[in-house]
Structure formats: structure tokens, C-alpha cells
Amino acid sequence: MQTTSFELERNSFGQLVLSIEDQVYVGVIPVRAFPIQTPEQGIAMVCTDGREVAWIDQLSEVSEQLRELVLDELAGREFVPEIAQIISVSSYSTPCTWTVQTDRGVANFVLRGEEDIRRISGDSLLITDTHGINFLIRQPALLDKHGRKIIDRFL
């Protein structure tokens, strides 16, 4: 698939405005096709009624200004902290409270059950807490020995 040619800017209300040929769409939202596996590829620009109006095949193919607008909008909508270290777990039976170091700081969350830890794309893990927040472990093998032992007990 090829990147759609369009212009993008932010209006005075903070909304993204997409112009393509003779059409203008106010309030478009970028949506990643595969947010965890390939976050820089396959981004749909969706208008307010849910229709896809433009497509970005690869973010590196677009201008720096357009890329920054898209990434800023995505950052405001997406929240998937990446776990760098598992500090502690209150218990090896569920529900239990995890304390982790993420790319956004230290976080505590409650794991409801082992089924809330899912393998995705190769060896990555996605952990969903009781509030529905997803935490990502991109490469569990790179965790320290303590963290790997905890993960192994729950898988």
C-alpha cells in the first residue's frame, strides 16, 4: 500500500485538519494498524464519522512536520507504559499487586489473573491491570533475573 498524499495542520481549537485534493476534514484522528508490533507502519487517518480518509504506510516516508503532528496526537491518545523492571509482586497467587519500573516511572497495579498476561508478536508480553491499562514487556528475556523469575511463575 502507498502513503496517501495530503496536508495536515492543527487549527486554533487543537484539532487536526486534513486536506486532500479538494476535501477538508476537521478533527481527524490517527489510528495505528498494529500499535505494538509495528508502531511506525500502517497509520490510518480517520475522520469523525469513522471513515478512513488517508493512509500513512511508513512514518519515515512523510515530512518531519506531518510526522510530528501525527506522533503528538498519538501520544495524547495512547497510554501503554513499557515495563523495564519488575520491582516486586505482593503474592504469586492472584489477585496480586505488582510494583514495576516503566518508561514513565514507577507504577503499581493489580493483576487479576494469569490470563491477563498475554504473549503477543514473538516474545513480547502484554499485561492488563484491573483498570484495563495495558503494560508492555517488549523483551522479557532482557529483564533481570528477579523479573524473569516472576514472569515465569505467572506464565
N, C-alpha and C. Protein backbone atom coordinates (compact mmCIF):
# COMPACT_ATOMS: atom_id res chain seq x y z
N MET A 1 0.85 -1.18 0.00
CA MET A 1 0.00 0.00 0.00
C MET A 1 0.89 1.24 0.00
N GLN A 2 0.39 2.30 -0.52
CA GLN A 2 1.17 3.52 -0.64
C GLN A 2 0.61 4.61 0.26
N THR A 3 1.49 5.48 0.75
CA THR A 3 1.06 6.60 1.58
C THR A 3 0.23 7.56 0.74
N THR A 4 -0.93 7.96 1.28
CA THR A 4 -1.79 8.92 0.63
C THR A 4 -1.15 10.31 0.74
N SER A 5 -1.21 11.09 -0.33
CA SER A 5 -0.66 12.44 -0.32
C SER A 5 -1.71 13.40 0.24
N PHE A 6 -1.36 14.08 1.33
CA PHE A 6 -2.30 15.02 1.96
C PHE A 6 -1.52 16.03 2.78
N GLU A 7 -2.22 17.08 3.21
CA GLU A 7 -1.66 18.09 4.09
C GLU A 7 -2.34 17.99 5.43
N LEU A 8 -1.60 18.30 6.50
CA LEU A 8 -2.14 18.19 7.85
C LEU A 8 -1.67 19.39 8.66
N GLU A 9 -2.61 19.98 9.41
CA GLU A 9 -2.27 21.08 10.30
C GLU A 9 -3.20 21.05 11.49
N ARG A 10 -2.85 21.80 12.53
CA ARG A 10 -3.68 21.88 13.72
C ARG A 10 -4.38 23.23 13.70
N ASN A 11 -5.72 23.24 13.92
CA ASN A 11 -6.46 24.51 13.92
C ASN A 11 -6.39 25.17 15.29
N SER A 12 -7.02 26.31 15.44
CA SER A 12 -6.95 27.07 16.70
C SER A 12 -7.65 26.36 17.86
N PHE A 13 -8.47 25.35 17.57
CA PHE A 13 -9.13 24.57 18.61
C PHE A 13 -8.33 23.32 18.98
N GLY A 14 -7.16 23.14 18.37
CA GLY A 14 -6.32 22.00 18.67
C GLY A 14 -6.65 20.74 17.87
N GLN A 15 -7.59 20.86 16.95
CA GLN A 15 -7.98 19.70 16.13
C GLN A 15 -7.08 19.58 14.92
N LEU A 16 -6.85 18.32 14.49
CA LEU A 16 -6.10 18.11 13.26
C LEU A 16 -7.03 18.33 12.07
N VAL A 17 -6.54 19.06 11.08
CA VAL A 17 -7.29 19.35 9.86
C VAL A 17 -6.51 18.74 8.70
N LEU A 18 -7.14 17.81 8.00
CA LEU A 18 -6.52 17.12 6.88
C LEU A 18 -7.11 17.65 5.58
N SER A 19 -6.24 18.02 4.65
CA SER A 19 -6.67 18.48 3.33
C SER A 19 -6.13 17.51 2.30
N ILE A 20 -7.04 17.00 1.48
CA ILE A 20 -6.65 16.08 0.43
C ILE A 20 -7.46 16.45 -0.81
N GLU A 21 -6.75 16.74 -1.89
CA GLU A 21 -7.36 17.23 -3.12
C GLU A 21 -8.26 18.42 -2.79
N ASP A 22 -9.57 18.33 -3.03
CA ASP A 22 -10.47 19.47 -2.74
C ASP A 22 -11.31 19.23 -1.49
N GLN A 23 -10.96 18.22 -0.69
CA GLN A 23 -11.71 17.89 0.53
C GLN A 23 -10.93 18.35 1.77
N VAL A 24 -11.66 18.83 2.78
CA VAL A 24 -11.07 19.21 4.05
C VAL A 24 -11.81 18.46 5.15
N TYR A 25 -11.07 17.80 6.02
CA TYR A 25 -11.64 17.03 7.12
C TYR A 25 -11.11 17.61 8.43
N VAL A 26 -12.03 18.07 9.28
CA VAL A 26 -11.66 18.67 10.56
C VAL A 26 -11.84 17.62 11.66
N GLY A 27 -10.85 17.54 12.55
CA GLY A 27 -10.93 16.61 13.68
C GLY A 27 -10.53 15.19 13.34
N VAL A 28 -9.64 15.01 12.37
CA VAL A 28 -9.19 13.66 12.04
C VAL A 28 -8.33 13.10 13.18
N ILE A 29 -8.31 11.78 13.25
CA ILE A 29 -7.58 11.09 14.30
C ILE A 29 -6.68 10.04 13.66
N PRO A 30 -5.39 10.02 14.01
CA PRO A 30 -4.54 8.94 13.51
C PRO A 30 -4.78 7.67 14.33
N VAL A 31 -4.82 6.53 13.63
CA VAL A 31 -5.04 5.24 14.29
C VAL A 31 -4.01 4.26 13.76
N ARG A 32 -3.22 3.67 14.67
CA ARG A 32 -2.21 2.71 14.26
C ARG A 32 -2.87 1.37 13.93
N ALA A 33 -2.46 0.76 12.82
CA ALA A 33 -2.98 -0.55 12.45
C ALA A 33 -2.43 -1.63 13.39
N PHE A 34 -1.15 -1.56 13.70
CA PHE A 34 -0.50 -2.53 14.58
C PHE A 34 0.34 -1.78 15.60
N PRO A 35 -0.29 -1.25 16.67
CA PRO A 35 0.39 -0.32 17.57
C PRO A 35 1.58 -0.90 18.33
N ILE A 36 1.62 -2.20 18.55
CA ILE A 36 2.72 -2.77 19.32
C ILE A 36 3.76 -3.40 18.41
N GLN A 37 3.32 -4.18 17.45
CA GLN A 37 4.26 -4.88 16.58
C GLN A 37 5.01 -3.93 15.66
N THR A 38 4.31 -3.03 14.98
CA THR A 38 4.94 -2.10 14.04
C THR A 38 4.32 -0.71 14.20
N PRO A 39 4.71 0.00 15.26
CA PRO A 39 4.08 1.30 15.53
C PRO A 39 4.36 2.38 14.51
N GLU A 40 5.41 2.24 13.71
CA GLU A 40 5.77 3.25 12.73
C GLU A 40 5.20 2.96 11.35
N GLN A 41 4.46 1.87 11.21
CA GLN A 41 3.90 1.48 9.92
C GLN A 41 2.38 1.40 10.02
N GLY A 42 1.72 1.67 8.92
CA GLY A 42 0.27 1.50 8.83
C GLY A 42 -0.53 2.38 9.77
N ILE A 43 -0.62 3.65 9.43
CA ILE A 43 -1.40 4.58 10.25
C ILE A 43 -2.52 5.15 9.38
N ALA A 44 -3.75 4.91 9.83
CA ALA A 44 -4.92 5.44 9.12
C ALA A 44 -5.29 6.78 9.71
N MET A 45 -5.67 7.70 8.86
CA MET A 45 -6.22 8.98 9.30
C MET A 45 -7.73 8.84 9.17
N VAL A 46 -8.43 8.90 10.29
CA VAL A 46 -9.86 8.61 10.34
C VAL A 46 -10.62 9.89 10.67
N CYS A 47 -11.68 10.15 9.91
CA CYS A 47 -12.49 11.36 10.16
C CYS A 47 -13.50 11.08 11.28
N THR A 48 -14.24 12.08 11.66
CA THR A 48 -15.13 11.99 12.82
C THR A 48 -16.24 10.96 12.68
N ASP A 49 -16.61 10.61 11.46
CA ASP A 49 -17.66 9.58 11.30
C ASP A 49 -17.08 8.17 11.19
N GLY A 50 -15.76 8.04 11.42
CA GLY A 50 -15.13 6.73 11.44
C GLY A 50 -14.57 6.24 10.11
N ARG A 51 -14.72 7.04 9.05
CA ARG A 51 -14.18 6.64 7.75
C ARG A 51 -12.70 6.95 7.65
N GLU A 52 -11.96 6.04 7.04
CA GLU A 52 -10.56 6.30 6.75
C GLU A 52 -10.48 7.21 5.54
N VAL A 53 -9.77 8.35 5.71
CA VAL A 53 -9.67 9.30 4.62
C VAL A 53 -8.26 9.41 4.06
N ALA A 54 -7.28 8.88 4.79
CA ALA A 54 -5.90 8.88 4.30
C ALA A 54 -5.14 7.77 5.00
N TRP A 55 -4.00 7.41 4.42
CA TRP A 55 -3.21 6.30 4.93
C TRP A 55 -1.73 6.67 4.89
N ILE A 56 -1.03 6.34 5.97
CA ILE A 56 0.43 6.51 6.01
C ILE A 56 1.01 5.11 6.13
N ASP A 57 1.69 4.68 5.08
CA ASP A 57 2.27 3.34 5.08
C ASP A 57 3.45 3.26 6.04
N GLN A 58 4.32 4.27 5.99
CA GLN A 58 5.53 4.30 6.81
C GLN A 58 5.75 5.74 7.27
N LEU A 59 5.85 5.97 8.58
CA LEU A 59 6.02 7.34 9.09
C LEU A 59 7.30 7.99 8.56
N SER A 60 8.31 7.21 8.29
CA SER A 60 9.57 7.78 7.80
C SER A 60 9.42 8.34 6.38
N GLU A 61 8.33 8.03 5.69
CA GLU A 61 8.10 8.50 4.32
C GLU A 61 7.48 9.89 4.26
N VAL A 62 7.00 10.41 5.38
CA VAL A 62 6.30 11.69 5.36
C VAL A 62 7.22 12.79 5.89
N SER A 63 6.81 14.04 5.70
CA SER A 63 7.62 15.17 6.14
C SER A 63 7.74 15.19 7.66
N GLU A 64 8.78 15.87 8.14
CA GLU A 64 9.03 15.98 9.58
C GLU A 64 7.85 16.65 10.29
N GLN A 65 7.28 17.70 9.69
CA GLN A 65 6.16 18.42 10.28
C GLN A 65 4.94 17.50 10.41
N LEU A 66 4.62 16.77 9.36
CA LEU A 66 3.48 15.86 9.40
C LEU A 66 3.71 14.75 10.42
N ARG A 67 4.92 14.21 10.45
CA ARG A 67 5.27 13.14 11.39
C ARG A 67 5.09 13.62 12.83
N GLU A 68 5.56 14.84 13.13
CA GLU A 68 5.43 15.39 14.48
C GLU A 68 3.96 15.57 14.88
N LEU A 69 3.14 16.08 13.96
CA LEU A 69 1.71 16.25 14.26
C LEU A 69 1.06 14.90 14.57
N VAL A 70 1.36 13.90 13.75
CA VAL A 70 0.77 12.57 13.95
C VAL A 70 1.24 11.96 15.27
N LEU A 71 2.54 12.02 15.54
CA LEU A 71 3.07 11.44 16.77
C LEU A 71 2.57 12.16 18.01
N ASP A 72 2.43 13.49 17.95
CA ASP A 72 1.88 14.24 19.08
C ASP A 72 0.45 13.81 19.38
N GLU A 73 -0.34 13.66 18.33
CA GLU A 73 -1.74 13.26 18.51
C GLU A 73 -1.82 11.84 19.06
N LEU A 74 -1.00 10.95 18.54
CA LEU A 74 -0.99 9.57 19.03
C LEU A 74 -0.55 9.50 20.49
N ALA A 75 0.44 10.29 20.87
CA ALA A 75 0.94 10.29 22.24
C ALA A 75 -0.15 10.73 23.22
N GLY A 76 -0.99 11.64 22.80
CA GLY A 76 -2.09 12.09 23.66
C GLY A 76 -3.20 11.07 23.81
N ARG A 77 -3.29 10.13 22.88
CA ARG A 77 -4.36 9.13 22.89
C ARG A 77 -3.93 7.77 23.41
N GLU A 78 -2.67 7.45 23.24
CA GLU A 78 -2.19 6.12 23.59
C GLU A 78 -1.47 6.16 24.94
N PHE A 79 -1.71 5.15 25.73
CA PHE A 79 -1.02 5.04 27.01
C PHE A 79 -0.72 3.57 27.25
N VAL A 80 0.48 3.15 26.87
CA VAL A 80 0.92 1.77 27.11
C VAL A 80 2.33 1.86 27.68
N PRO A 81 2.43 1.96 29.01
CA PRO A 81 3.76 2.03 29.62
C PRO A 81 4.54 0.74 29.34
N GLU A 82 5.84 0.89 29.11
CA GLU A 82 6.69 -0.26 28.86
C GLU A 82 7.47 -0.59 30.13
N ILE A 83 7.33 -1.83 30.61
CA ILE A 83 7.98 -2.27 31.84
C ILE A 83 9.46 -2.55 31.56
N ALA A 84 10.32 -1.90 32.35
CA ALA A 84 11.76 -2.11 32.24
C ALA A 84 12.27 -3.03 33.36
N GLN A 85 11.55 -3.02 34.50
CA GLN A 85 11.97 -3.82 35.65
C GLN A 85 10.75 -4.15 36.50
N ILE A 86 10.70 -5.37 36.99
CA ILE A 86 9.68 -5.76 37.96
C ILE A 86 10.32 -5.66 39.33
N ILE A 87 9.86 -4.72 40.11
CA ILE A 87 10.47 -4.46 41.42
C ILE A 87 9.98 -5.47 42.44
N SER A 88 8.65 -5.68 42.52
CA SER A 88 8.12 -6.64 43.47
C SER A 88 6.70 -7.07 43.08
N VAL A 89 6.30 -8.19 43.65
CA VAL A 89 4.95 -8.71 43.49
C VAL A 89 4.48 -9.11 44.88
N SER A 90 3.27 -8.72 45.26
CA SER A 90 2.79 -8.97 46.62
C SER A 90 2.56 -10.46 46.90
N SER A 91 2.26 -11.22 45.86
CA SER A 91 1.98 -12.65 46.03
C SER A 91 2.10 -13.35 44.69
N TYR A 92 2.34 -14.66 44.72
CA TYR A 92 2.38 -15.42 43.47
C TYR A 92 1.02 -16.01 43.12
N SER A 93 0.02 -15.69 43.94
CA SER A 93 -1.35 -16.06 43.59
C SER A 93 -2.11 -14.78 43.28
N THR A 94 -3.10 -14.89 42.44
CA THR A 94 -3.84 -13.71 42.02
C THR A 94 -5.15 -13.60 42.78
N PRO A 95 -5.65 -12.39 42.94
CA PRO A 95 -5.08 -11.10 42.53
C PRO A 95 -3.87 -10.72 43.38
N CYS A 96 -2.95 -10.00 42.77
CA CYS A 96 -1.75 -9.54 43.46
C CYS A 96 -1.35 -8.16 42.93
N THR A 97 -0.59 -7.45 43.74
CA THR A 97 -0.14 -6.11 43.37
C THR A 97 1.30 -6.18 42.88
N TRP A 98 1.53 -5.60 41.71
CA TRP A 98 2.86 -5.53 41.12
C TRP A 98 3.39 -4.11 41.26
N THR A 99 4.67 -4.00 41.56
CA THR A 99 5.36 -2.72 41.53
C THR A 99 6.42 -2.83 40.44
N VAL A 100 6.35 -1.95 39.47
CA VAL A 100 7.23 -2.04 38.31
C VAL A 100 7.84 -0.67 37.99
N GLN A 101 8.98 -0.72 37.33
CA GLN A 101 9.61 0.48 36.78
C GLN A 101 9.27 0.50 35.31
N THR A 102 8.63 1.58 34.85
CA THR A 102 8.26 1.68 33.44
C THR A 102 9.01 2.85 32.80
N ASP A 103 8.82 3.01 31.51
CA ASP A 103 9.42 4.15 30.82
C ASP A 103 8.78 5.47 31.23
N ARG A 104 7.72 5.39 32.04
CA ARG A 104 7.03 6.59 32.53
C ARG A 104 7.15 6.74 34.05
N GLY A 105 7.99 5.92 34.66
CA GLY A 105 8.19 5.99 36.11
C GLY A 105 7.72 4.73 36.80
N VAL A 106 7.76 4.75 38.14
CA VAL A 106 7.33 3.61 38.94
C VAL A 106 5.81 3.55 38.95
N ALA A 107 5.28 2.32 38.83
CA ALA A 107 3.83 2.15 38.83
C ALA A 107 3.46 0.92 39.67
N ASN A 108 2.30 1.00 40.28
CA ASN A 108 1.70 -0.13 41.00
C ASN A 108 0.42 -0.49 40.29
N PHE A 109 0.17 -1.78 40.11
CA PHE A 109 -1.09 -2.20 39.53
C PHE A 109 -1.47 -3.56 40.08
N VAL A 110 -2.75 -3.88 39.97
CA VAL A 110 -3.26 -5.16 40.45
C VAL A 110 -3.50 -6.07 39.25
N LEU A 111 -2.89 -7.25 39.31
CA LEU A 111 -3.11 -8.28 38.30
C LEU A 111 -4.24 -9.17 38.80
N ARG A 112 -5.31 -9.24 38.03
CA ARG A 112 -6.49 -10.00 38.42
C ARG A 112 -6.27 -11.51 38.30
N GLY A 113 -5.65 -11.93 37.20
CA GLY A 113 -5.43 -13.35 36.98
C GLY A 113 -4.34 -13.58 35.95
N GLU A 114 -3.82 -14.81 35.90
CA GLU A 114 -2.76 -15.14 34.95
C GLU A 114 -3.19 -14.91 33.50
N GLU A 115 -4.48 -15.04 33.23
CA GLU A 115 -4.98 -14.84 31.87
C GLU A 115 -4.83 -13.39 31.40
N ASP A 116 -4.51 -12.47 32.32
CA ASP A 116 -4.31 -11.07 31.96
C ASP A 116 -2.87 -10.79 31.51
N ILE A 117 -2.06 -11.84 31.42
CA ILE A 117 -0.72 -11.74 30.83
C ILE A 117 -0.78 -12.50 29.52
N ARG A 118 -0.61 -11.78 28.40
CA ARG A 118 -0.74 -12.41 27.08
C ARG A 118 0.54 -12.24 26.27
N ARG A 119 0.90 -13.29 25.56
CA ARG A 119 2.02 -13.22 24.62
C ARG A 119 1.53 -12.58 23.33
N ILE A 120 2.32 -11.66 22.82
CA ILE A 120 2.00 -11.03 21.54
C ILE A 120 3.27 -10.98 20.71
N SER A 121 3.15 -11.05 19.44
CA SER A 121 4.24 -10.89 18.46
C SER A 121 5.60 -11.38 18.96
N GLY A 122 5.81 -12.65 18.84
CA GLY A 122 7.10 -13.22 19.24
C GLY A 122 7.15 -13.39 20.73
N ASP A 123 8.09 -12.71 21.38
CA ASP A 123 8.23 -12.91 22.83
C ASP A 123 7.71 -11.74 23.67
N SER A 124 7.09 -10.74 23.08
CA SER A 124 6.55 -9.62 23.84
C SER A 124 5.35 -10.07 24.68
N LEU A 125 5.19 -9.40 25.83
CA LEU A 125 4.07 -9.69 26.71
C LEU A 125 3.25 -8.43 26.93
N LEU A 126 1.94 -8.60 27.04
CA LEU A 126 1.04 -7.50 27.34
C LEU A 126 0.31 -7.88 28.63
N ILE A 127 0.45 -7.05 29.65
CA ILE A 127 -0.18 -7.30 30.96
C ILE A 127 -1.27 -6.26 31.15
N THR A 128 -2.49 -6.71 31.43
CA THR A 128 -3.62 -5.80 31.62
C THR A 128 -3.98 -5.78 33.10
N ASP A 129 -4.03 -4.59 33.69
CA ASP A 129 -4.37 -4.48 35.11
C ASP A 129 -5.89 -4.44 35.30
N THR A 130 -6.33 -4.33 36.54
CA THR A 130 -7.76 -4.36 36.84
C THR A 130 -8.51 -3.15 36.28
N HIS A 131 -7.80 -2.08 35.94
CA HIS A 131 -8.44 -0.89 35.37
C HIS A 131 -8.42 -0.90 33.85
N GLY A 132 -7.88 -1.96 33.25
CA GLY A 132 -7.82 -2.05 31.79
C GLY A 132 -6.61 -1.39 31.17
N ILE A 133 -5.66 -0.93 31.99
CA ILE A 133 -4.44 -0.32 31.46
C ILE A 133 -3.49 -1.44 31.05
N ASN A 134 -2.94 -1.32 29.84
CA ASN A 134 -2.01 -2.30 29.33
C ASN A 134 -0.58 -1.88 29.61
N PHE A 135 0.21 -2.83 30.09
CA PHE A 135 1.64 -2.64 30.32
C PHE A 135 2.36 -3.59 29.37
N LEU A 136 3.40 -3.11 28.71
CA LEU A 136 4.12 -3.90 27.71
C LEU A 136 5.49 -4.30 28.24
N ILE A 137 5.84 -5.57 28.03
CA ILE A 137 7.22 -6.03 28.23
C ILE A 137 7.67 -6.48 26.85
N ARG A 138 8.50 -5.66 26.21
CA ARG A 138 8.91 -5.93 24.83
C ARG A 138 9.81 -7.15 24.72
N GLN A 139 10.75 -7.32 25.62
CA GLN A 139 11.66 -8.46 25.59
C GLN A 139 11.86 -8.99 27.01
N PRO A 140 11.00 -9.90 27.45
CA PRO A 140 11.10 -10.43 28.82
C PRO A 140 12.46 -11.04 29.13
N ALA A 141 13.15 -11.58 28.13
CA ALA A 141 14.46 -12.19 28.35
C ALA A 141 15.50 -11.17 28.79
N LEU A 142 15.25 -9.88 28.53
CA LEU A 142 16.19 -8.84 28.92
C LEU A 142 15.95 -8.31 30.34
N LEU A 143 14.87 -8.78 30.99
CA LEU A 143 14.64 -8.39 32.38
C LEU A 143 15.74 -8.99 33.25
N ASP A 144 15.94 -8.43 34.44
CA ASP A 144 16.91 -9.02 35.36
C ASP A 144 16.39 -10.38 35.84
N LYS A 145 17.25 -11.12 36.53
CA LYS A 145 16.91 -12.49 36.97
C LYS A 145 15.64 -12.52 37.82
N HIS A 146 15.52 -11.57 38.72
CA HIS A 146 14.34 -11.47 39.59
C HIS A 146 13.06 -11.29 38.76
N GLY A 147 13.11 -10.40 37.79
CA GLY A 147 11.94 -10.14 36.94
C GLY A 147 11.57 -11.34 36.09
N ARG A 148 12.57 -12.02 35.50
CA ARG A 148 12.30 -13.21 34.69
C ARG A 148 11.68 -14.31 35.53
N LYS A 149 12.14 -14.46 36.78
CA LYS A 149 11.59 -15.49 37.67
C LYS A 149 10.10 -15.22 37.97
N ILE A 150 9.77 -13.94 38.19
CA ILE A 150 8.38 -13.58 38.46
C ILE A 150 7.51 -13.88 37.23
N ILE A 151 7.96 -13.47 36.06
CA ILE A 151 7.21 -13.72 34.83
C ILE A 151 7.00 -15.21 34.63
N ASP A 152 8.05 -16.00 34.83
CA ASP A 152 7.96 -17.46 34.65
C ASP A 152 6.93 -18.08 35.58
N ARG A 153 6.78 -17.55 36.79
CA ARG A 153 5.81 -18.10 37.74
C ARG A 153 4.37 -17.85 37.31
N PHE A 154 4.15 -16.79 36.52
CA PHE A 154 2.79 -16.45 36.12
C PHE A 154 2.42 -16.99 34.74
N LEU A 155 3.39 -17.43 33.96
CA LEU A 155 3.08 -17.95 32.61
C LEU A 155 2.91 -19.45 32.61
